[in-house]
Amino acid sequence: MGFTCEEHAGYADEGEDIVCAAISALVFNTVNSIEAFTEDVFTLDTDASSAFLSFRLENTPSEQCTLLIKSLLLGLQSMEDGQYSDFIDIIFEEV
């Protein structure tokens, strides 16, 4: 289980893009919360220059971890369903 974030949102110029900033805040808060509040083991790969982040859990997620990821998804889906729908795509994949 995990998630990947790729590419810039393209809402505004780099450094002024509120959609990228909101997504980044949600994603990094989720990763930091999982690290601080759970015992779940994960890998994290990032590349700031290409706006890439890959988060993968090593094992079945704990209830706390699952709740944190659901919270992330709620925030992202609210953006996708709202006025920023042209700038965010959530894609579910079974691997």
Protein backbone atom coordinates (compact mmCIF):
# COMPACT_ATOMS: atom_id res chain seq x y z
CA MET A 1 0.00 0.00 0.00
CA GLY A 2 1.20 3.47 -0.70
CA PHE A 3 0.88 6.49 -2.92
CA THR A 4 2.82 8.46 -5.49
CA CYS A 5 2.65 12.15 -6.30
CA GLU A 6 3.95 13.27 -9.67
CA GLU A 7 4.38 16.54 -11.53
CA HIS A 8 3.44 20.09 -10.69
CA ALA A 9 -0.22 21.09 -10.64
CA GLY A 10 0.20 23.88 -13.19
CA TYR A 11 -2.27 26.19 -11.44
CA ALA A 12 0.24 29.06 -11.28
CA ASP A 13 3.95 29.74 -11.65
CA GLU A 14 6.32 27.75 -9.46
CA GLY A 15 6.48 29.34 -6.03
CA GLU A 16 3.00 30.82 -6.39
CA ASP A 17 1.01 27.65 -7.06
CA ILE A 18 -1.51 27.27 -4.22
CA VAL A 19 -2.67 23.87 -5.50
CA CYS A 20 0.88 22.46 -5.34
CA ALA A 21 1.32 24.01 -1.91
CA ALA A 22 -1.91 22.49 -0.59
CA ILE A 23 -1.12 19.04 -1.98
CA SER A 24 2.42 19.20 -0.60
CA ALA A 25 1.13 20.20 2.85
CA LEU A 26 -1.37 17.34 2.91
CA VAL A 27 1.12 14.76 1.68
CA PHE A 28 4.05 15.76 3.88
CA ASN A 29 1.83 16.09 6.95
CA THR A 30 0.53 12.56 6.31
CA VAL A 31 4.03 11.10 5.93
CA ASN A 32 5.28 12.95 9.02
CA SER A 33 2.23 11.86 11.03
CA ILE A 34 2.67 8.21 10.05
CA GLU A 35 6.31 8.41 11.09
CA ALA A 36 5.55 10.18 14.40
CA PHE A 37 2.37 8.43 15.50
CA THR A 38 2.62 4.87 14.21
CA GLU A 39 5.09 2.00 14.20
CA ASP A 40 4.53 1.40 10.46
CA VAL A 41 7.68 0.94 8.39
CA PHE A 42 7.79 2.62 4.99
CA THR A 43 10.10 3.76 2.22
CA LEU A 44 10.04 7.28 0.89
CA ASP A 45 11.61 8.39 -2.38
CA THR A 46 11.53 12.03 -3.42
CA ASP A 47 12.84 14.24 -6.19
CA ALA A 48 11.99 17.90 -5.59
CA SER A 49 13.11 19.02 -9.06
CA SER A 50 10.47 16.85 -10.77
CA ALA A 51 7.86 17.12 -7.97
CA PHE A 52 7.99 13.36 -7.37
CA LEU A 53 7.23 11.52 -4.13
CA SER A 54 6.71 7.79 -3.65
CA PHE A 55 5.54 6.42 -0.28
CA ARG A 56 5.35 2.65 0.20
CA LEU A 57 4.47 0.72 3.33
CA GLU A 58 6.56 -2.36 4.05
CA ASN A 59 3.71 -4.33 5.67
CA THR A 60 -0.04 -4.25 6.20
CA PRO A 61 -0.86 -0.79 7.58
CA SER A 62 -1.96 -0.30 11.16
CA GLU A 63 -5.39 1.17 11.92
CA GLN A 64 -3.76 4.53 12.72
CA CYS A 65 -1.85 4.54 9.45
CA THR A 66 -4.97 3.61 7.50
CA LEU A 67 -6.86 6.49 9.12
CA LEU A 68 -4.10 8.95 8.26
CA ILE A 69 -4.04 7.83 4.63
CA LYS A 70 -7.84 8.06 4.46
CA SER A 71 -7.57 11.60 5.81
CA LEU A 72 -5.05 12.45 3.07
CA LEU A 73 -7.37 10.99 0.48
CA LEU A 74 -10.31 13.00 1.83
CA GLY A 75 -8.34 16.22 1.49
CA LEU A 76 -7.14 15.41 -2.02
CA GLN A 77 -10.59 14.29 -3.18
CA SER A 78 -12.10 17.50 -1.85
CA MET A 79 -9.68 19.43 -4.04
CA GLU A 80 -10.34 17.17 -7.03
CA ASP A 81 -14.12 17.49 -6.62
CA GLY A 82 -13.98 21.26 -6.08
CA GLN A 83 -12.72 24.24 -7.96
CA TYR A 84 -9.27 22.69 -8.55
CA SER A 85 -10.53 19.69 -10.51
CA ASP A 86 -8.56 20.72 -13.60
CA PHE A 87 -5.29 20.57 -11.66
CA ILE A 88 -5.44 17.30 -9.70
CA ASP A 89 -6.12 13.73 -10.76
CA ILE A 90 -6.41 10.90 -8.28
CA ILE A 91 -5.78 7.53 -9.87
CA PHE A 92 -6.26 4.27 -7.96
CA GLU A 93 -4.16 1.28 -8.98
CA GLU A 94 -4.08 -2.22 -7.64
CA VAL A 95 -0.54 -3.58 -7.68
